[in-house]
Protein backbone atom coordinates (compact mmCIF):
# COMPACT_ATOMS: atom_id res chain seq x y z
CA MET A 1 0.03 0.01 -0.05
CA ASN A 2 2.89 2.28 0.88
CA HIS A 3 4.41 1.86 -2.62
CA LEU A 4 1.08 2.60 -4.26
CA LYS A 5 0.76 5.84 -2.26
CA THR A 6 4.30 6.85 -3.09
CA PHE A 7 3.56 6.36 -6.83
CA ALA A 8 0.37 8.32 -6.55
CA LEU A 9 2.12 11.26 -4.68
CA LEU A 10 5.09 11.38 -7.03
CA ALA A 11 2.59 11.35 -10.03
CA VAL A 12 0.96 14.46 -8.58
CA MET A 13 4.20 16.29 -8.15
CA THR A 14 5.21 15.19 -11.63
CA ALA A 15 2.01 16.60 -13.07
CA LEU A 16 2.45 19.89 -11.25
CA PHE A 17 6.02 20.15 -12.72
CA MET A 18 4.72 19.32 -16.21
CA GLY A 19 1.90 21.93 -15.77
CA ILE A 20 4.36 24.68 -15.08
CA GLY A 21 6.51 23.50 -18.09
CA TYR A 22 3.36 23.68 -20.33
CA LEU A 23 2.57 27.39 -19.26
CA ILE A 24 6.24 28.27 -19.84
CA GLY A 25 6.83 26.75 -23.10
CA GLY A 26 3.57 25.02 -24.34
CA ALA A 27 3.72 21.49 -25.45
CA THR A 28 7.51 21.49 -25.98
CA GLY A 29 7.91 22.93 -22.49
CA MET A 30 5.68 20.25 -21.06
CA MET A 31 7.76 17.40 -22.70
CA ILE A 32 10.91 19.01 -21.42
CA ALA A 33 9.53 19.23 -17.88
CA LEU A 34 8.41 15.62 -18.15
CA LEU A 35 11.99 14.42 -19.03
CA VAL A 36 13.50 16.67 -16.28
CA ALA A 37 10.94 15.20 -13.81
CA ALA A 38 11.66 11.66 -14.73
CA GLY A 39 15.37 12.28 -14.36
CA MET A 40 14.85 14.09 -11.13
CA ASN A 41 12.75 11.26 -9.68
CA LEU A 42 15.35 8.68 -10.64
CA PHE A 43 18.22 10.75 -9.25
CA SER A 44 16.24 11.51 -6.10
CA TYR A 45 15.65 7.75 -5.61
CA TRP A 46 19.40 7.10 -5.33
CA ASN A 47 20.69 10.39 -3.94
CA ALA A 48 17.96 12.52 -2.33
CA ASP A 49 19.15 11.26 1.30
CA LYS A 50 22.74 12.36 0.58
CA ILE A 51 21.45 15.71 -0.70
CA VAL A 52 19.46 16.42 2.36
CA LEU A 53 22.17 15.33 4.86
CA LYS A 54 24.71 17.44 2.99
CA MET A 55 22.22 20.40 2.97
CA TYR A 56 22.10 20.33 6.79
CA LYS A 57 25.86 19.54 7.15
CA ALA A 58 25.02 16.37 9.05
CA GLN A 59 28.09 14.75 10.44
CA PRO A 60 28.39 10.97 10.98
CA VAL A 61 29.10 9.76 14.59
CA ASP A 62 29.85 6.45 16.20
CA GLU A 63 30.74 4.80 19.48
CA THR A 64 34.28 6.17 19.34
CA HIS A 65 33.05 9.85 19.70
CA PRO A 66 34.88 11.64 22.60
CA ASN A 67 31.65 12.87 24.09
CA ALA A 68 29.75 10.59 26.35
CA VAL A 69 26.40 12.10 25.42
CA VAL A 70 26.97 11.31 21.77
CA ARG A 71 28.18 7.82 22.58
CA ALA A 72 24.95 7.20 24.53
CA TYR A 73 22.94 8.58 21.63
CA VAL A 74 24.67 6.21 19.22
CA ALA A 75 24.39 3.20 21.57
CA ASP A 76 20.56 3.86 22.21
CA ILE A 77 19.88 4.02 18.40
CA ARG A 78 21.73 0.91 17.70
CA GLN A 79 19.98 -0.99 20.50
CA MET A 80 16.49 0.24 19.35
CA ALA A 81 17.22 -0.60 15.75
CA ALA A 82 18.24 -4.14 16.77
CA ASP A 83 15.13 -4.47 19.00
CA ALA A 84 12.91 -3.29 16.08
CA GLY A 85 14.61 -5.78 13.69
CA LEU A 86 16.01 -3.00 11.53
CA PRO A 87 19.34 -2.79 9.86
CA GLN A 88 21.85 -0.48 11.62
CA PRO A 89 21.32 3.11 10.21
CA THR A 90 24.01 5.65 9.54
CA ILE A 91 23.86 7.93 12.63
CA THR A 92 24.59 11.73 12.16
CA ILE A 93 24.38 14.94 14.15
CA ILE A 94 23.38 18.23 12.58
CA PRO A 95 25.27 21.39 13.97
CA ASN A 96 22.22 23.43 14.87
CA ASP A 97 20.94 24.77 18.13
CA GLN A 98 17.27 24.18 17.42
CA PRO A 99 16.24 20.72 18.74
CA ASN A 100 14.91 18.60 16.01
CA ALA A 101 15.47 15.34 14.05
CA PHE A 102 14.66 13.43 10.84
CA ALA A 103 15.30 10.18 9.03
CA THR A 104 16.12 9.66 5.41
CA GLY A 105 17.13 6.96 3.06
CA ARG A 106 15.48 4.99 0.14
CA ASN A 107 14.97 1.82 2.28
CA PRO A 108 15.82 0.47 5.79
CA GLN A 109 19.14 -0.93 4.38
CA ASN A 110 20.24 2.49 3.37
CA ALA A 111 18.67 4.60 6.08
CA ALA A 112 20.27 7.48 7.99
CA VAL A 113 18.93 9.33 11.19
CA ALA A 114 19.89 12.80 12.17
CA ALA A 115 19.55 14.73 15.32
CA THR A 116 20.56 18.32 15.91
CA SER A 117 23.09 19.17 18.47
CA GLY A 118 20.40 21.27 20.17
CA LEU A 119 18.26 18.14 20.65
CA LEU A 120 21.13 16.41 22.59
CA ASP A 121 21.87 19.57 24.61
CA MET A 122 18.31 20.18 25.72
CA LEU A 123 16.51 16.89 26.19
CA THR A 124 16.97 14.16 28.71
CA ARG A 125 18.32 10.86 27.46
CA GLU A 126 14.85 9.25 27.72
CA GLU A 127 13.36 11.99 25.59
CA VAL A 128 16.16 11.71 22.92
CA ARG A 129 15.44 7.98 22.84
CA GLY A 130 11.75 8.69 22.27
CA VAL A 131 12.57 11.15 19.37
CA MET A 132 14.98 8.84 17.69
CA ALA A 133 12.61 5.80 18.20
CA HIS A 134 10.04 7.96 16.11
CA GLU A 135 12.59 8.38 13.45
CA LEU A 136 13.28 4.61 13.44
CA ALA A 137 9.62 4.08 13.04
CA HIS A 138 9.72 6.12 9.88
CA VAL A 139 12.42 3.79 8.62
CA LYS A 140 10.50 0.73 9.71
CA ASN A 141 7.35 2.07 7.98
CA ARG A 142 9.32 2.89 4.82
CA ASP A 143 8.25 6.54 4.87
CA THR A 144 11.68 7.90 4.35
CA LEU A 145 11.88 7.52 0.62
CA THR A 146 8.51 9.22 0.04
CA MET A 147 9.35 12.13 2.42
CA THR A 148 12.92 12.63 0.97
CA VAL A 149 11.86 12.52 -2.74
CA THR A 150 8.88 14.65 -2.18
CA ALA A 151 11.11 17.24 -0.55
CA THR A 152 13.40 17.39 -3.54
CA VAL A 153 10.63 17.59 -6.17
CA ALA A 154 8.63 20.09 -4.08
CA GLY A 155 11.68 22.39 -3.98
CA ALA A 156 12.06 22.10 -7.72
CA ILE A 157 8.45 22.85 -8.25
CA ALA A 158 8.76 26.07 -6.13
CA MET A 159 11.97 27.00 -8.12
CA LEU A 160 10.41 26.37 -11.54
CA ALA A 161 7.26 28.28 -10.55
CA ASN A 162 9.50 31.29 -9.90
CA PHE A 163 11.18 30.91 -13.24
CA ALA A 164 7.75 30.98 -14.81
CA MET A 165 7.40 34.60 -14.30
CA PHE A 166 10.64 35.41 -16.04
CA PHE A 167 10.39 32.86 -18.91
CA GLY A 168 6.54 32.99 -19.43
CA GLY A 169 6.58 35.81 -21.97
CA GLY A 170 6.53 33.72 -25.18
CA ASP A 171 3.65 33.16 -27.59
CA ASP A 172 0.40 33.26 -25.64
CA ARG A 173 -1.28 31.05 -28.25
CA GLU A 174 0.99 28.19 -27.04
CA ARG A 175 -0.08 28.82 -23.38
CA PRO A 176 -3.74 28.75 -22.43
CA GLY A 177 -4.38 31.61 -20.04
CA GLY A 178 -1.38 33.51 -21.27
CA MET A 179 0.43 35.55 -18.71
CA ILE A 180 -2.51 35.40 -16.20
CA GLY A 181 -2.37 31.66 -16.32
CA THR A 182 1.48 31.66 -15.81
CA ILE A 183 1.08 33.96 -12.71
CA ALA A 184 -1.81 31.83 -11.33
CA LEU A 185 0.19 28.68 -11.60
CA MET A 186 3.25 30.29 -10.24
CA LEU A 187 1.34 31.08 -7.09
CA LEU A 188 -0.79 28.01 -6.94
CA ALA A 189 1.71 25.22 -7.85
CA PRO A 190 3.86 25.69 -4.67
CA MET A 191 0.73 25.70 -2.58
CA ALA A 192 -0.49 22.46 -4.30
CA ALA A 193 3.05 20.95 -3.61
CA GLY A 194 2.64 22.07 0.01
CA LEU A 195 -0.71 20.34 0.13
CA VAL A 196 0.90 17.13 -1.01
CA GLN A 197 3.56 17.31 1.60
CA MET A 198 0.82 17.79 4.26
CA ALA A 199 -0.99 14.81 3.03
CA ILE A 200 2.27 12.75 3.26
CA SER A 201 3.39 14.06 6.68
CA ARG A 202 0.32 14.31 8.99
CA ALA A 203 -0.99 10.77 8.84
CA ARG A 204 2.69 9.36 8.85
CA GLU A 205 3.61 11.39 11.93
CA TYR A 206 0.80 9.94 13.89
CA GLU A 207 1.64 6.48 13.01
CA ALA A 208 5.50 7.10 13.66
CA ASP A 209 4.54 8.43 17.02
CA ARG A 210 2.64 5.19 17.80
CA VAL A 211 5.37 2.80 16.42
CA GLY A 212 8.19 4.87 17.86
CA ALA A 213 6.55 4.88 21.33
CA GLU A 214 6.37 1.06 21.08
CA ILE A 215 9.99 0.80 19.97
CA ALA A 216 11.25 3.00 22.97
CA ASN A 217 8.53 1.61 25.24
CA ASP A 218 7.93 5.12 26.64
CA PRO A 219 5.14 7.18 25.00
CA GLN A 220 5.38 9.79 27.68
CA ALA A 221 9.08 10.44 26.99
CA LEU A 222 8.26 11.23 23.32
CA ALA A 223 5.27 13.34 24.40
CA SER A 224 7.51 15.49 26.72
CA ALA A 225 10.15 15.77 23.96
CA LEU A 226 7.50 17.04 21.42
CA GLN A 227 6.46 19.71 23.83
CA LYS A 228 9.98 20.98 24.35
CA ILE A 229 10.89 20.87 20.66
CA GLU A 230 7.68 22.73 19.74
CA ALA A 231 8.18 25.47 22.26
CA TYR A 232 11.92 26.07 21.15
CA ALA A 233 11.17 25.86 17.39
CA ARG A 234 8.52 28.57 17.66
CA GLY A 235 11.03 30.93 19.34
CA ALA A 236 14.23 30.37 17.31
CA VAL A 237 15.00 30.80 13.58
CA ASN A 238 16.45 27.61 12.00
CA ALA A 239 18.20 29.34 9.15
CA PRO A 240 19.01 26.24 7.01
CA ALA A 241 15.43 25.11 7.29
CA GLU A 242 14.08 28.62 6.40
CA ARG A 243 16.29 28.49 3.23
CA ASN A 244 14.89 25.00 2.40
CA PRO A 245 11.22 24.99 3.41
CA ALA A 246 10.49 22.13 1.23
CA THR A 247 12.26 19.75 3.67
CA ALA A 248 10.18 20.92 6.64
CA HIS A 249 7.84 17.89 6.58
CA MET A 250 10.78 15.57 7.11
CA PHE A 251 11.44 16.79 10.64
CA ILE A 252 9.70 15.47 13.82
CA ILE A 253 8.41 18.93 14.44
CA ASN A 254 8.09 21.73 11.80
CA PRO A 255 11.43 23.59 11.94
CA LEU A 256 9.96 26.77 10.52
CA ASN A 257 9.15 29.30 13.13
CA GLY A 258 6.07 30.73 11.67
CA LYS A 259 7.30 34.19 10.98
CA GLY A 260 7.20 33.79 7.20
CA ALA A 261 4.72 32.89 4.46
CA ASP A 262 6.48 29.50 4.02
CA ASN A 263 4.61 28.42 7.16
CA LEU A 264 1.20 29.18 5.78
CA PHE A 265 0.26 25.50 5.65
CA SER A 266 1.45 23.31 8.39
CA THR A 267 3.12 20.06 7.41
CA HIS A 268 2.58 18.51 10.86
CA PRO A 269 -0.39 17.63 12.96
CA ALA A 270 -0.93 19.84 15.99
CA THR A 271 1.64 18.94 18.70
CA GLY A 272 -1.10 19.01 21.33
CA ASN A 273 -3.07 16.29 19.59
CA ARG A 274 0.05 14.12 19.22
CA VAL A 275 0.89 14.59 22.89
CA ARG A 276 -2.60 13.67 23.85
CA ALA A 277 -2.57 10.43 21.75
CA LEU A 278 0.76 9.46 23.27
CA MET A 279 -0.35 10.20 26.90
CA GLU A 280 -3.50 7.97 26.20
CA MET A 281 -1.21 5.32 24.93
CA GLY A 282 0.91 5.61 28.07
CA ALA A 283 -2.16 5.26 30.25
CA LYS A 284 -3.22 2.03 28.37
CA MET A 285 0.29 0.66 29.02
CA GLY A 286 -0.25 1.36 32.76
CA MET A 287 2.30 4.23 33.10
CA SER A 288 1.58 6.88 35.66
CA ARG A 289 1.33 10.29 34.27
CA ARG A 290 4.50 12.44 34.36
CA PRO A 291 4.60 16.22 35.08
CA ALA A 292 4.14 18.34 31.87
CA ALA A 293 7.27 19.45 30.15
CA ALA A 294 8.76 22.67 31.68
CA PRO A 295 8.73 25.81 29.55
CA VAL A 296 11.68 26.08 27.27
CA ALA A 297 14.19 29.06 27.51
CA ALA A 298 17.42 29.77 25.76
CA ALA A 299 20.53 29.36 27.82
CA PRO A 300 22.81 32.22 28.50
CA SER A 301 25.01 33.03 25.47
CA GLY A 302 28.42 31.73 25.33
CA GLY A 303 27.72 28.28 26.75
CA ALA A 304 29.43 25.46 24.89
CA PRO A 305 27.32 22.67 23.61
CA ARG A 306 27.65 19.41 25.40
CA THR A 307 27.78 17.58 22.05
CA SER A 308 31.02 19.17 21.01
CA VAL A 309 29.43 19.64 17.52
CA PRO A 310 29.65 23.23 16.00
CA THR A 311 26.31 25.05 16.26
CA THR A 312 24.75 27.58 14.04
CA PRO A 313 26.16 30.98 14.98
CA SER A 314 22.94 32.78 14.42
CA ALA A 315 20.78 30.52 16.63
CA PRO A 316 20.47 30.95 20.45
CA SER A 317 22.33 28.49 22.67
CA ALA A 318 19.98 25.69 23.86
CA PRO A 319 19.80 24.65 27.49
CA ARG A 320 21.70 21.46 28.42
CA GLY A 321 19.90 18.22 29.06
CA PRO A 322 20.42 16.38 32.38
CA TRP A 323 22.41 13.52 30.94
CA GLY A 324 24.50 11.34 33.27
């Protein structure tokens, strides 16, 4: 069923790409766009994960890392992957103070998980386990290919839609709607691509929350982590994510802080609804309710991150998590 959904979603994205090509260059433009889209989908299948990891400057880490927090992070992911019956993923850290995480890769055998340095600095070990179990759930559910390829194609649609304004001045007889149609598609195509991303992300996030809570055996830790990440993400600008909004749906919490038009449509379900579902799941498992997550505040400037990974200079320093 996942393969069928992936095909349908990519077909919609390809149709949007072709529609822009048609308005730019008529039938010829549509055929060129079709060829470009086919090549892009093929390239994305094999390389989209590498593109996204490079985009966010993700750095591989392993058990030999000098920092104890990072070693524990690696050990927990390896243990949870083994418990979930998954191949061992590539484990990386993104040098960014905003706490967040994502998974990528075309299949479980070629998967990678990424956490920001801010995630390791701010959250407790149990909360980090919950977040990374959520990302392993995406790998287990084979969501990562769809999410990564869609990010690549959605970014290309937005870029081509912008080009339409500059290259749409040809023979109007070749392009139904003329300049008005070009402008309309320039505005509507990125929105349509965003709606596709929403369709991909929202249902999958709920399912990854559920499966991830089972992998970590701690729904409340994930619920607490989601509250902390949400609070910090709304108050701090994640510059790499703001430059690449098409990748927002890949993260566990929308990394865009809501100050720009790129956040007009949310790619994630409401955090409160996710937390409520996880707390209900914990109650069914017989877990006693934990106190609500404390409000998040930025740490005093100048504090060195516990992860020993360079952080984004423009972002505020995150508070340290109580790791042992």
